[in-house]
């Protein structure tokens, strides 16, 4: 039998834990050197294809 939690974790505590997980998985955007638009790193820019 596995141990059970003694107290309920609050929704705020759960939200904090999930927020860091979501923030770390969001794609990091960089500026395109040609046009200055936001793009994913190591990908072609949608605006100028450079």
Protein backbone atom coordinates (compact mmCIF):
# COMPACT_ATOMS: atom_id res chain seq x y z
CA UNK A 1 0.00 0.00 0.00
CA UNK A 2 1.28 3.41 -0.92
CA UNK A 3 1.29 6.27 1.59
CA UNK A 4 -1.60 8.71 1.40
CA UNK A 5 -1.31 12.50 1.76
CA UNK A 6 -2.11 13.80 5.23
CA UNK A 7 -3.61 17.09 4.01
CA UNK A 8 -5.24 18.26 0.81
CA UNK A 9 -3.07 20.40 -1.48
CA UNK A 10 -4.68 23.76 -2.13
CA UNK A 11 -5.71 24.80 -5.63
CA UNK A 12 -3.22 27.68 -5.41
CA UNK A 13 -0.38 25.27 -4.74
CA UNK A 14 -1.48 23.04 -7.60
CA UNK A 15 -1.78 26.07 -9.88
CA UNK A 16 1.75 27.22 -9.08
CA UNK A 17 3.12 23.79 -9.90
CA UNK A 18 1.28 23.61 -13.21
CA UNK A 19 2.17 27.20 -14.15
CA UNK A 20 5.89 26.51 -14.09
CA UNK A 21 5.39 23.39 -16.18
CA UNK A 22 3.37 25.32 -18.77
CA UNK A 23 5.80 28.26 -18.81
CA UNK A 24 8.80 26.01 -19.39
CA UNK A 25 7.13 24.24 -22.32
CA UNK A 26 6.13 27.39 -24.18
CA UNK A 27 8.15 28.01 -27.35
CA UNK A 28 10.87 30.63 -27.06
CA UNK A 29 10.60 33.26 -29.79
CA UNK A 30 13.47 35.23 -31.33
CA UNK A 31 13.54 38.22 -33.67
CA UNK A 32 14.15 37.69 -37.36
CA UNK A 33 17.36 39.43 -38.43
CA UNK A 34 15.86 40.56 -41.74
CA UNK A 35 12.40 41.89 -40.89
CA UNK A 36 12.27 41.88 -37.07
CA UNK A 37 9.23 39.60 -36.81
CA UNK A 38 8.96 37.01 -34.05
CA UNK A 39 9.87 33.47 -35.12
CA UNK A 40 10.89 30.15 -33.65
CA UNK A 41 14.65 29.64 -33.39
CA UNK A 42 16.27 27.57 -36.17
CA UNK A 43 13.17 27.98 -38.37
CA UNK A 44 12.40 30.07 -41.44
CA UNK A 45 10.61 33.35 -40.91
CA UNK A 46 7.03 33.27 -42.19
CA UNK A 47 7.20 36.88 -43.30
CA UNK A 48 10.43 37.06 -45.31
CA UNK A 49 11.43 33.36 -45.65
CA UNK A 50 14.99 34.03 -44.45
